[in-house]
Amino acid sequence: MNIDFPPPSSGTYNNAGSSRRLADYLEHEDLERMEKGIYTEGFFNLTAEDLYKSQVVKDIDNNKAQLLKTDAKFYAIHVSPSAKELQVMGSTEQEQAEAMRRYVREVFIPEYAKNFNKGLSAENIKFYGKVHFDRDRSENKEGNMHCHLIVSRKDQSNKIKLSPLTNHKNTKKGVITGGFDRKNLFQQAEQGFDRLFNYDRQLTESFEYYNTMKNGSISEQLNMQEKRISYERRMNTDTQVGTNTDVQIGISADKQENKQEQTHFPSQTDLGISSVLGIFTPDISKEEEPQLSMKKKQPKRGQRR
């Protein structure tokens, strides 16, 4: 799961003024999809969906008590699952969009609120989300579903300032208390996804691995590589054990089946030694099933056939 916070700019992500420009941008995909006769996703929040852009802009823009003209009024967040993660979220766009809304509501926003270390819950966060199905400049037209979030700088009560871009982390003293630990958010959001969708995440897919290999020291990277090798060996061993178990089960089943089949054959006395050996001698080639071959008794000379 890739989560990022686009930095404020003078363009679409200018967050010192109205949220209208960003909200307009988030609707650009709707026009393209409607022209093609494809369904579109409206805005959603913690409790409702199919909300209009006008409600989003009004709600975000009016939630700015005691903020200066140049202060950030909101923040943008991108939540983008990988192709493998999308597979467990559903097989259709509608299923994936529903799963994304569920993930944002049940995992991401609660973890976002908790990370401020102010005793907040999801209900304290004012946000609106918009699911997109394509990415600009992407050659792959499938598997690109992601979600844009507009999160107010102030909480629902319009009293508490909340900034996910602060460098403070769980501070106890000073003007700013609390803070925000983005690394912890990424880890908790990833683990929450795995629990919600029962996703078996490989080590190399984890935020821990990616962050260590990108930002860790040489020793940390070496330790992570050793951890990866150990993990892969363990997975290969588990796979081999599982395969061997399946083989043993198959052999036991074949033995049981052969034992049951043998009970339906005539006795050794009736068939003769050569016939018995013909039945129970293993067929090494395995190309044909064992066949019982018996010669017809030749009539005596002079008798009618």
Protein backbone atom coordinates (compact mmCIF):
# COMPACT_ATOMS: atom_id res chain seq x y z
CA MET A 1 0.00 0.00 0.00
CA ASN A 2 1.47 3.32 -1.08
CA ILE A 3 0.42 6.34 1.02
CA ASP A 4 1.77 9.79 0.33
CA PHE A 5 1.09 13.41 1.20
CA PRO A 6 1.47 15.68 -1.87
CA PRO A 7 3.33 18.83 -0.78
CA PRO A 8 1.38 22.09 -0.93
CA SER A 9 1.96 24.03 -4.13
CA SER A 10 0.69 27.07 -6.01
CA GLY A 11 -1.44 24.86 -8.24
CA THR A 12 -3.95 22.08 -7.58
CA TYR A 13 -2.55 21.32 -4.14
CA ASN A 14 -2.52 24.91 -2.90
CA ASN A 15 -4.07 24.42 0.54
CA ALA A 16 -3.85 27.97 1.89
CA GLY A 17 -7.12 28.96 0.20
CA SER A 18 -10.28 27.22 -0.92
CA SER A 19 -10.46 23.49 -1.54
CA ARG A 20 -12.47 24.09 -4.73
CA ARG A 21 -9.52 23.73 -7.10
CA LEU A 22 -8.59 20.33 -5.68
CA ALA A 23 -12.24 19.20 -5.63
CA ASP A 24 -12.60 20.25 -9.28
CA TYR A 25 -9.52 18.24 -10.18
CA LEU A 26 -10.88 15.15 -8.41
CA GLU A 27 -13.96 15.23 -10.67
CA HIS A 28 -12.05 15.29 -13.96
CA GLU A 29 -12.22 11.51 -14.29
CA ASP A 30 -16.01 11.53 -13.88
CA LEU A 31 -16.52 13.46 -17.13
CA GLU A 32 -14.39 10.98 -19.09
CA ARG A 33 -16.20 8.00 -17.62
CA MET A 34 -19.66 9.48 -18.19
CA GLU A 35 -18.82 10.08 -21.85
CA LYS A 36 -17.99 6.37 -22.12
CA GLY A 37 -21.13 5.33 -20.23
CA ILE A 38 -19.15 4.06 -17.25
CA TYR A 39 -20.44 4.58 -13.73
CA THR A 40 -18.76 7.18 -11.51
CA GLU A 41 -17.99 7.41 -7.81
CA GLY A 42 -19.13 10.42 -5.78
CA PHE A 43 -17.34 11.81 -2.74
CA PHE A 44 -17.63 9.94 0.55
CA ASN A 45 -16.83 10.51 4.21
CA LEU A 46 -16.96 8.38 7.35
CA THR A 47 -20.71 7.77 7.24
CA ALA A 48 -22.03 8.73 3.79
CA GLU A 49 -21.24 8.42 0.09
CA ASP A 50 -22.33 9.81 -3.27
CA LEU A 51 -21.84 13.30 -1.86
CA TYR A 52 -21.70 16.37 -4.09
CA LYS A 53 -18.61 18.46 -4.64
CA SER A 54 -20.40 21.58 -3.44
CA GLN A 55 -20.94 20.01 -0.01
CA VAL A 56 -17.27 19.01 0.19
CA VAL A 57 -15.97 22.47 -0.66
CA LYS A 58 -18.38 24.23 1.70
CA ASP A 59 -17.64 21.91 4.62
CA ILE A 60 -13.86 22.05 4.28
CA ASP A 61 -13.66 25.80 3.59
CA ASN A 62 -15.83 26.69 6.59
CA ASN A 63 -13.78 24.59 9.01
CA LYS A 64 -10.89 27.01 9.51
CA ALA A 65 -11.46 28.88 12.79
CA GLN A 66 -8.42 30.89 13.98
CA LEU A 67 -6.30 29.95 10.98
CA LEU A 68 -4.26 32.69 9.34
CA LYS A 69 -4.62 33.57 5.67
CA THR A 70 -1.39 31.79 4.79
CA ASP A 71 -2.03 28.75 7.01
CA ALA A 72 -2.89 25.39 5.51
CA LYS A 73 -6.66 24.81 5.56
CA PHE A 74 -6.57 21.17 4.45
CA TYR A 75 -4.23 18.40 3.32
CA ALA A 76 -4.34 15.99 0.39
CA ILE A 77 -3.52 12.31 0.82
CA HIS A 78 -3.14 9.57 -1.79
CA VAL A 79 -3.90 5.95 -0.90
CA SER A 80 -2.83 3.55 -3.66
CA PRO A 81 -2.95 -0.25 -3.34
CA SER A 82 -0.61 -2.45 -5.36
CA ALA A 83 -1.84 -4.75 -8.11
CA LYS A 84 -1.60 -7.75 -5.75
CA GLU A 85 -3.51 -5.90 -3.02
CA LEU A 86 -6.23 -4.98 -5.51
CA GLN A 87 -6.79 -8.66 -6.24
CA VAL A 88 -7.98 -9.30 -2.68
CA MET A 89 -10.15 -6.17 -2.74
CA GLY A 90 -12.45 -7.46 -5.43
CA SER A 91 -12.68 -8.59 -9.04
CA THR A 92 -14.71 -5.64 -10.36
CA GLU A 93 -14.34 -1.87 -10.11
CA GLN A 94 -17.45 -1.65 -7.95
CA GLU A 95 -16.15 -4.27 -5.52
CA GLN A 96 -12.75 -2.62 -5.32
CA ALA A 97 -14.26 0.83 -4.77
CA GLU A 98 -16.45 -0.52 -1.97
CA ALA A 99 -13.42 -2.23 -0.40
CA MET A 100 -11.43 1.00 -0.63
CA ARG A 101 -14.13 2.99 1.16
CA ARG A 102 -14.23 0.31 3.84
CA TYR A 103 -10.46 0.40 4.25
CA VAL A 104 -10.38 4.20 4.55
CA ARG A 105 -13.21 4.23 7.09
CA GLU A 106 -12.19 1.23 9.19
CA VAL A 107 -8.40 1.36 9.01
CA PHE A 108 -6.78 4.46 7.56
CA ILE A 109 -8.78 7.28 9.17
CA PRO A 110 -8.77 5.63 12.65
CA GLU A 111 -4.98 5.19 12.42
CA TYR A 112 -4.60 8.74 11.11
CA ALA A 113 -6.53 10.09 14.12
CA LYS A 114 -4.65 7.92 16.60
CA ASN A 115 -1.27 9.06 15.26
CA PHE A 116 -1.73 12.62 16.50
CA ASN A 117 -1.47 11.32 20.07
CA LYS A 118 -4.26 13.60 21.22
CA GLY A 119 -6.81 10.94 22.13
CA LEU A 120 -8.68 11.40 18.83
CA SER A 121 -10.80 8.85 16.97
CA ALA A 122 -12.07 8.59 13.39
CA GLU A 123 -15.17 10.57 14.36
CA ASN A 124 -12.97 13.60 15.13
CA ILE A 125 -11.50 13.79 11.62
CA LYS A 126 -13.24 15.85 8.95
CA PHE A 127 -12.41 14.37 5.57
CA TYR A 128 -13.80 13.54 2.14
CA GLY A 129 -12.59 10.85 -0.20
CA LYS A 130 -12.85 10.25 -3.94
CA VAL A 131 -12.05 6.94 -5.62
CA HIS A 132 -10.28 7.08 -8.99
CA PHE A 133 -9.83 4.18 -11.38
CA ASP A 134 -7.10 5.50 -13.68
CA ARG A 135 -3.78 7.25 -13.20
CA ASP A 136 -2.56 10.04 -15.45
CA ARG A 137 0.38 9.10 -17.68
CA SER A 138 -0.02 5.42 -16.82
CA GLU A 139 0.23 2.96 -19.72
CA ASN A 140 -1.56 0.31 -17.70
CA LYS A 141 -5.27 1.04 -17.93
CA GLU A 142 -6.23 -1.66 -15.45
CA GLY A 143 -5.31 -2.14 -11.81
CA ASN A 144 -4.88 1.59 -11.20
CA MET A 145 -7.65 2.13 -8.66
CA HIS A 146 -6.64 4.55 -5.88
CA CYS A 147 -8.20 7.06 -3.52
CA HIS A 148 -7.75 10.80 -2.98
CA LEU A 149 -8.51 12.26 0.43
CA ILE A 150 -9.11 15.89 1.40
CA VAL A 151 -8.58 16.20 5.16
CA SER A 152 -9.38 19.38 7.06
CA ARG A 153 -6.61 21.07 9.06
CA LYS A 154 -9.08 21.42 11.95
CA ASP A 155 -10.94 18.58 13.64
CA GLN A 156 -14.72 18.16 13.50
CA SER A 157 -15.20 20.56 16.41
CA ASN A 158 -13.22 23.23 14.53
CA LYS A 159 -11.03 23.68 17.61
CA ILE A 160 -7.95 21.45 17.29
CA LYS A 161 -5.25 22.02 14.69
CA LEU A 162 -4.00 18.85 13.04
CA SER A 163 -1.04 18.66 10.68
CA PRO A 164 0.24 15.33 9.27
CA LEU A 165 3.27 17.18 7.85
CA THR A 166 4.67 18.30 11.20
CA ASN A 167 8.07 16.98 12.23
CA HIS A 168 7.02 16.67 15.87
CA LYS A 169 6.46 13.13 17.14
CA ASN A 170 4.56 12.57 20.38
CA THR A 171 6.04 15.63 22.10
CA LYS A 172 5.04 16.22 25.74
CA LYS A 173 6.25 19.79 26.27
CA GLY A 174 6.29 23.04 24.32
CA VAL A 175 3.81 24.93 22.17
CA ILE A 176 3.07 21.85 20.06
CA THR A 177 2.12 18.67 21.89
CA GLY A 178 1.41 15.38 20.23
CA GLY A 179 2.82 15.55 16.73
CA PHE A 180 2.55 12.98 13.96
CA ASP A 181 4.63 9.90 13.15
CA ARG A 182 4.19 9.19 9.45
CA LYS A 183 6.36 6.06 9.59
CA ASN A 184 4.15 4.57 12.26
CA LEU A 185 1.06 5.49 10.26
CA PHE A 186 2.37 3.67 7.19
CA GLN A 187 3.14 0.54 9.22
CA GLN A 188 -0.19 0.49 11.06
CA ALA A 189 -2.17 1.19 7.89
CA GLU A 190 -0.38 -1.69 6.16
CA GLN A 191 -1.00 -4.11 9.02
CA GLY A 192 -4.62 -2.99 9.18
CA PHE A 193 -5.04 -3.74 5.48
CA ASP A 194 -3.64 -7.24 5.95
CA ARG A 195 -6.03 -7.96 8.81
CA LEU A 196 -9.06 -6.50 7.05
CA PHE A 197 -8.59 -8.44 3.82
CA ASN A 198 -6.69 -11.45 5.22
CA TYR A 199 -3.77 -10.57 2.96
CA ASP A 200 -0.63 -12.69 3.14
CA ARG A 201 2.02 -10.00 2.66
CA GLN A 202 5.49 -11.07 1.59
CA LEU A 203 8.48 -9.49 3.32
CA THR A 204 9.61 -7.67 0.19
CA GLU A 205 6.16 -6.07 -0.09
CA SER A 206 6.28 -4.59 3.40
CA PHE A 207 6.90 -0.98 4.30
CA GLU A 208 9.59 -2.14 6.72
CA TYR A 209 11.59 -3.73 3.90
CA TYR A 210 11.11 -0.86 1.46
CA ASN A 211 11.94 1.83 4.00
CA THR A 212 15.05 0.01 5.24
CA MET A 213 16.43 -0.62 1.76
CA LYS A 214 15.81 3.00 0.78
CA ASN A 215 16.63 4.94 3.94
CA GLY A 216 18.42 2.52 6.28
CA SER A 217 22.12 2.43 7.07
CA ILE A 218 24.42 -0.10 5.39
CA SER A 219 24.27 -2.39 8.41
CA GLU A 220 20.48 -2.14 8.55
CA GLN A 221 20.25 -2.96 4.86
CA LEU A 222 22.53 -5.97 5.28
CA ASN A 223 20.47 -7.20 8.22
CA MET A 224 17.31 -6.79 6.16
CA GLN A 225 18.84 -8.75 3.29
CA GLU A 226 19.73 -11.56 5.70
CA LYS A 227 16.19 -11.43 7.03
CA ARG A 228 14.86 -11.68 3.47
CA ILE A 229 17.07 -14.68 2.67
CA SER A 230 16.03 -16.42 5.89
CA TYR A 231 12.38 -15.66 5.13
CA GLU A 232 12.64 -17.07 1.60
CA ARG A 233 14.37 -20.22 2.84
CA ARG A 234 11.65 -20.75 5.42
CA MET A 235 8.95 -20.25 2.80
CA ASN A 236 10.67 -22.70 0.43
CA THR A 237 10.97 -25.25 3.24
CA ASP A 238 7.30 -24.86 4.13
CA THR A 239 6.37 -25.27 0.49
CA GLN A 240 8.52 -28.41 0.16
CA VAL A 241 7.04 -29.90 3.32
CA GLY A 242 3.57 -29.21 2.02
CA THR A 243 4.41 -30.85 -1.32
CA ASN A 244 5.91 -33.93 0.34
CA THR A 245 2.86 -34.24 2.56
CA ASP A 246 0.60 -34.14 -0.47
CA VAL A 247 2.73 -36.83 -2.14
CA GLN A 248 2.57 -39.09 0.95
CA ILE A 249 -1.18 -38.61 1.14
CA GLY A 250 -1.43 -39.51 -2.55
CA ILE A 251 0.70 -42.63 -2.09
CA SER A 252 -1.37 -43.74 0.90
CA ALA A 253 -4.55 -43.19 -1.06
CA ASP A 254 -3.21 -45.21 -3.99
CA LYS A 255 -2.22 -48.05 -1.66
CA GLN A 256 -5.65 -48.05 -0.08
CA GLU A 257 -7.31 -48.01 -3.48
CA ASN A 258 -5.14 -50.90 -4.73
CA LYS A 259 -5.92 -52.86 -1.57
CA GLN A 260 -9.63 -52.37 -2.15
CA GLU A 261 -9.32 -53.39 -5.81
CA GLN A 262 -7.42 -56.58 -4.90
CA THR A 263 -10.29 -57.84 -2.77
CA HIS A 264 -12.42 -58.12 -5.93
CA PHE A 265 -9.97 -60.41 -7.77
CA PRO A 266 -10.44 -64.23 -7.76
CA SER A 267 -8.23 -66.24 -5.46
CA GLN A 268 -4.72 -67.43 -6.37
CA THR A 269 -5.98 -71.03 -6.65
CA ASP A 270 -8.52 -70.14 -9.31
CA LEU A 271 -6.18 -68.06 -11.48
CA GLY A 272 -2.92 -69.94 -11.37
CA ILE A 273 0.53 -68.63 -10.49
CA SER A 274 1.23 -66.90 -13.82
CA SER A 275 -2.06 -64.99 -13.77
CA VAL A 276 -1.52 -63.79 -10.23
CA LEU A 277 1.94 -62.49 -11.05
CA GLY A 278 0.52 -60.74 -14.07
CA ILE A 279 -2.01 -58.90 -11.96
CA PHE A 280 0.27 -57.78 -9.12
CA THR A 281 3.48 -57.06 -10.98
CA PRO A 282 3.93 -53.24 -10.98
CA ASP A 283 3.77 -51.53 -14.37
CA ILE A 284 7.05 -49.57 -14.47
CA SER A 285 6.16 -47.48 -17.50
CA LYS A 286 2.82 -46.32 -15.98
CA GLU A 287 1.66 -45.74 -19.54
CA GLU A 288 -1.13 -48.28 -19.34
CA GLU A 289 -3.20 -49.74 -16.57
CA PRO A 290 -2.42 -53.39 -15.63
CA GLN A 291 -4.57 -55.74 -17.71
CA LEU A 292 -5.63 -59.27 -16.97
CA SER A 293 -4.79 -61.45 -19.97
CA MET A 294 -6.07 -65.04 -20.13
CA LYS A 295 -5.77 -67.45 -23.09
CA LYS A 296 -8.81 -69.19 -24.42
CA LYS A 297 -8.80 -72.95 -23.99
CA GLN A 298 -8.23 -74.61 -27.37
CA PRO A 299 -10.90 -77.22 -28.32
CA LYS A 300 -9.91 -80.85 -28.85
CA ARG A 301 -9.38 -82.03 -32.38
CA GLY A 302 -12.57 -83.28 -33.93
CA GLN A 303 -14.93 -81.34 -31.74
CA ARG A 304 -17.19 -78.62 -33.14
CA ARG A 305 -16.39 -75.14 -32.10
